[in-house]
Amino acid sequence: MNKLILPVAIFVSVMLTGKISEHFGVEGSWKIGLLCLVAAAVQIAVTRYQRTQRQKSQS
């Protein structure tokens, strides 16, 4: 189950960002850049969260 959190979080956040960027009329490379930025930020956030949870359980 824990291995599915990251892909699901990235998928959901990128889909939401895509819908929001369509609403505001963002086009082309700006939209792709924004989606990549969101995916990277979500990956960093989820990885850090999982790492802290793992460290708490080991202590």
Protein backbone atom coordinates (compact mmCIF):
# COMPACT_ATOMS: atom_id res chain seq x y z
CA MET A 1 0.00 0.00 0.00
CA ASN A 2 2.77 2.46 0.87
CA LYS A 3 4.35 1.94 -2.54
CA LEU A 4 1.17 3.21 -4.23
CA ILE A 5 1.03 6.51 -2.35
CA LEU A 6 3.64 8.30 -4.48
CA PRO A 7 2.26 7.42 -7.94
CA VAL A 8 -1.30 8.16 -6.88
CA ALA A 9 -0.30 11.48 -5.31
CA ILE A 10 1.59 12.52 -8.45
CA PHE A 11 -1.27 11.47 -10.73
CA VAL A 12 -3.92 13.32 -8.74
CA SER A 13 -1.85 16.48 -8.34
CA VAL A 14 -0.90 16.60 -12.03
CA MET A 15 -4.51 16.07 -13.08
CA LEU A 16 -5.70 18.86 -10.79
CA THR A 17 -2.94 21.18 -11.96
CA GLY A 18 -3.83 20.41 -15.58
CA LYS A 19 -7.48 21.28 -14.99
CA ILE A 20 -6.56 24.49 -13.16
CA SER A 21 -4.09 25.53 -15.85
CA GLU A 22 -6.74 24.91 -18.54
CA HIS A 23 -9.13 27.10 -16.59
CA PHE A 24 -6.59 29.96 -16.55
CA GLY A 25 -5.65 29.44 -20.19
CA VAL A 26 -2.03 28.33 -19.72
CA GLU A 27 -0.75 26.87 -23.00
CA GLY A 28 2.19 25.01 -24.48
CA SER A 29 5.55 24.75 -22.77
CA TRP A 30 4.37 26.79 -19.78
CA LYS A 31 1.78 24.13 -19.00
CA ILE A 32 4.27 21.29 -19.38
CA GLY A 33 6.77 23.10 -17.17
CA LEU A 34 4.14 23.71 -14.53
CA LEU A 35 3.08 20.05 -14.55
CA CYS A 36 6.69 18.90 -14.19
CA LEU A 37 7.27 21.34 -11.34
CA VAL A 38 4.18 20.09 -9.50
CA ALA A 39 5.17 16.45 -10.01
CA ALA A 40 8.67 17.12 -8.64
CA ALA A 41 7.32 19.02 -5.64
CA VAL A 42 4.85 16.24 -4.82
CA GLN A 43 7.57 13.61 -5.12
CA ILE A 44 9.83 15.52 -2.72
CA ALA A 45 7.01 16.12 -0.24
CA VAL A 46 5.74 12.52 -0.22
CA THR A 47 9.25 11.09 0.02
CA ARG A 48 10.08 13.31 2.99
CA TYR A 49 6.80 12.41 4.68
CA GLN A 50 7.39 8.69 4.20
CA ARG A 51 10.97 9.01 5.45
CA THR A 52 9.86 10.73 8.67
CA GLN A 53 7.18 8.09 9.24
CA ARG A 54 9.75 5.34 8.75
CA GLN A 55 12.16 7.01 11.21
CA LYS A 56 9.41 7.39 13.81
CA SER A 57 8.51 3.71 13.59
CA GLN A 58 12.14 2.63 13.97
CA SER A 59 12.75 4.78 17.07
